[in-house]
Each structure stands twice: as C-alpha cells, then as structure tokens.
C-alpha cells in the first residue's frame, strides 16, 4: 500500500515538474515573441525615422534647388535688362 502511494506521489511530482517545464517553455516562447515584436516595432520606428529624415532631406534639397534656380533667373533677367538699358541709352 505504501509503495503504491509512493509511486503515485512520484508520478504526481513528475507530472507537476512536466507541467512546470511546459509552462516555462510557453512563458519563454511568449517572452521571445514579445521581444521579437518589440524588435520589429523598433525596426519599424527606425525605418519610419529614416524615411522622415530622407523626406526632410529631399525637401531641403528641393528648396535649395528652387532658391538656386530663382537666383539664376533673377541674375539672368537683371543682366539682360541692364544690357537692354545700355543699348537703348546708346
């Protein structure tokens, strides 16, 4: 009788240990998934930041180009007008 109880106790202990291991595995998997999700989110955020930076850089470049073209146009127009006025005065 005592042997049966002992065997049952050992079996119960084994079952509890197995359950603990399974729970630990599940928890570890969940943690890993969470970490992966966090990493993915961080990567996505970094990508978004990079995209924003690229957009800002593009905007800056466009503004610079527009300003440069405007300056060139102004210079050309002023030079042409000066030349026309000189030729007219002559």
C-alpha atoms as a PDB file:
ATOM      1  CA  UNK A   1       0.000   0.000   0.000  1.00  0.00           C
ATOM      2  CA  UNK A   2       2.756   2.451   0.971  1.00  0.00           C
ATOM      3  CA  UNK A   3       4.622   1.613  -2.254  1.00  0.00           C
ATOM      4  CA  UNK A   4       1.523   2.452  -4.305  1.00  0.00           C
ATOM      5  CA  UNK A   5       1.190   5.819  -2.526  1.00  0.00           C
ATOM      6  CA  UNK A   6       4.910   6.460  -3.084  1.00  0.00           C
ATOM      7  CA  UNK A   7       4.607   5.626  -6.772  1.00  0.00           C
ATOM      8  CA  UNK A   8       1.544   7.878  -7.058  1.00  0.00           C
ATOM      9  CA  UNK A   9       3.427  10.689  -5.295  1.00  0.00           C
ATOM     10  CA  UNK A  10       6.424  10.253  -7.604  1.00  0.00           C
ATOM     11  CA  UNK A  11       4.064  10.245 -10.598  1.00  0.00           C
ATOM     12  CA  UNK A  12       2.377  13.405  -9.314  1.00  0.00           C
ATOM     13  CA  UNK A  13       5.754  15.056  -8.796  1.00  0.00           C
ATOM     14  CA  UNK A  14       6.805  14.097 -12.305  1.00  0.00           C
ATOM     15  CA  UNK A  15       3.547  15.469 -13.714  1.00  0.00           C
ATOM     16  CA  UNK A  16       3.991  18.718 -11.769  1.00  0.00           C
ATOM     17  CA  UNK A  17       7.577  19.002 -12.998  1.00  0.00           C
ATOM     18  CA  UNK A  18       6.468  18.370 -16.577  1.00  0.00           C
ATOM     19  CA  UNK A  19       3.725  20.972 -16.216  1.00  0.00           C
ATOM     20  CA  UNK A  20       6.231  23.453 -14.811  1.00  0.00           C
ATOM     21  CA  UNK A  21       8.589  22.764 -17.699  1.00  0.00           C
ATOM     22  CA  UNK A  22       5.764  23.177 -20.214  1.00  0.00           C
ATOM     23  CA  UNK A  23       4.645  26.410 -18.549  1.00  0.00           C
ATOM     24  CA  UNK A  24       8.223  27.656 -18.507  1.00  0.00           C
ATOM     25  CA  UNK A  25       8.593  26.793 -22.197  1.00  0.00           C
ATOM     26  CA  UNK A  26       5.345  28.589 -23.024  1.00  0.00           C
ATOM     27  CA  UNK A  27       6.386  31.614 -20.988  1.00  0.00           C
ATOM     28  CA  UNK A  28       9.783  31.647 -22.690  1.00  0.00           C
ATOM     29  CA  UNK A  29       8.104  31.409 -26.084  1.00  0.00           C
ATOM     30  CA  UNK A  30       5.767  34.262 -25.160  1.00  0.00           C
ATOM     31  CA  UNK A  31       8.698  36.341 -23.957  1.00  0.00           C
ATOM     32  CA  UNK A  32      10.605  35.608 -27.144  1.00  0.00           C
ATOM     33  CA  UNK A  33       7.570  36.557 -29.218  1.00  0.00           C
ATOM     34  CA  UNK A  34       7.193  39.773 -27.243  1.00  0.00           C
ATOM     35  CA  UNK A  35      10.876  40.546 -27.698  1.00  0.00           C
ATOM     36  CA  UNK A  36      10.619  39.842 -31.412  1.00  0.00           C
ATOM     37  CA  UNK A  37       7.563  42.079 -31.648  1.00  0.00           C
ATOM     38  CA  UNK A  38       9.385  44.818 -29.757  1.00  0.00           C
ATOM     39  CA  UNK A  39      12.401  44.454 -32.026  1.00  0.00           C
ATOM     40  CA  UNK A  40      10.171  44.585 -35.093  1.00  0.00           C
ATOM     41  CA  UNK A  41       8.435  47.674 -33.717  1.00  0.00           C
ATOM     42  CA  UNK A  42      11.797  49.295 -33.025  1.00  0.00           C
ATOM     43  CA  UNK A  43      12.962  48.455 -36.548  1.00  0.00           C
ATOM     44  CA  UNK A  44       9.755  49.853 -37.989  1.00  0.00           C
ATOM     45  CA  UNK A  45      10.174  53.018 -35.928  1.00  0.00           C
ATOM     46  CA  UNK A  46      13.766  53.329 -37.102  1.00  0.00           C
ATOM     47  CA  UNK A  47      12.642  52.844 -40.696  1.00  0.00           C
ATOM     48  CA  UNK A  48       9.953  55.476 -40.222  1.00  0.00           C
ATOM     49  CA  UNK A  49      12.524  57.853 -38.740  1.00  0.00           C
ATOM     50  CA  UNK A  50      14.850  57.179 -41.651  1.00  0.00           C
ATOM     51  CA  UNK A  51      12.010  57.792 -44.093  1.00  0.00           C
ATOM     52  CA  UNK A  52      11.171  61.046 -42.320  1.00  0.00           C
ATOM     53  CA  UNK A  53      14.811  62.104 -42.420  1.00  0.00           C
ATOM     54  CA  UNK A  54      15.007  61.244 -46.121  1.00  0.00           C
ATOM     55  CA  UNK A  55      11.834  63.215 -46.795  1.00  0.00           C
ATOM     56  CA  UNK A  56      13.209  66.199 -44.877  1.00  0.00           C
ATOM     57  CA  UNK A  57      16.490  65.973 -46.764  1.00  0.00           C
ATOM     58  CA  UNK A  58      14.614  65.796 -50.068  1.00  0.00           C
ATOM     59  CA  UNK A  59      12.516  68.812 -49.078  1.00  0.00           C
ATOM     60  CA  UNK A  60      15.634  70.744 -48.120  1.00  0.00           C
ATOM     61  CA  UNK A  61      17.311  69.815 -51.398  1.00  0.00           C
ATOM     62  CA  UNK A  62      14.218  70.837 -53.351  1.00  0.00           C
ATOM     63  CA  UNK A  63      14.074  74.174 -51.515  1.00  0.00           C
ATOM     64  CA  UNK A  64      17.776  74.767 -52.173  1.00  0.00           C
ATOM     65  CA  UNK A  65      17.356  73.893 -55.849  1.00  0.00           C
ATOM     66  CA  UNK A  66      14.327  76.179 -56.149  1.00  0.00           C
ATOM     67  CA  UNK A  67      16.223  79.034 -54.468  1.00  0.00           C
ATOM     68  CA  UNK A  68      19.229  78.479 -56.727  1.00  0.00           C
ATOM     69  CA  UNK A  69      17.069  78.450 -59.865  1.00  0.00           C
ATOM     70  CA  UNK A  70      15.274  81.598 -58.710  1.00  0.00           C
ATOM     71  CA  UNK A  71      18.608  83.312 -58.108  1.00  0.00           C
ATOM     72  CA  UNK A  72      19.879  82.262 -61.530  1.00  0.00           C
ATOM     73  CA  UNK A  73      16.681  83.524 -63.186  1.00  0.00           C
ATOM     74  CA  UNK A  74      16.915  86.817 -61.293  1.00  0.00           C
ATOM     75  CA  UNK A  75      20.568  87.246 -62.281  1.00  0.00           C
ATOM     76  CA  UNK A  76      19.816  86.482 -65.940  1.00  0.00           C
ATOM     77  CA  UNK A  77      16.856  88.871 -66.019  1.00  0.00           C
ATOM     78  CA  UNK A  78      18.811  91.649 -64.313  1.00  0.00           C
ATOM     79  CA  UNK A  79      21.780  91.247 -66.675  1.00  0.00           C
ATOM     80  CA  UNK A  80      19.511  91.231 -69.722  1.00  0.00           C
ATOM     81  CA  UNK A  81      17.635  94.315 -68.520  1.00  0.00           C
ATOM     82  CA  UNK A  82      20.929  96.130 -67.829  1.00  0.00           C
ATOM     83  CA  UNK A  83      22.176  95.199 -71.301  1.00  0.00           C
ATOM     84  CA  UNK A  84      18.916  96.384 -72.885  1.00  0.00           C
ATOM     85  CA  UNK A  85      19.040  99.683 -70.978  1.00  0.00           C
ATOM     86  CA  UNK A  86      22.686 100.239 -72.001  1.00  0.00           C
ATOM     87  CA  UNK A  87      21.876  99.502 -75.650  1.00  0.00           C
ATOM     88  CA  UNK A  88      18.836 101.819 -75.517  1.00  0.00           C
ATOM     89  CA  UNK A  89      20.824 104.637 -73.920  1.00  0.00           C
ATOM     90  CA  UNK A  90      23.420 104.278 -76.679  1.00  0.00           C
END
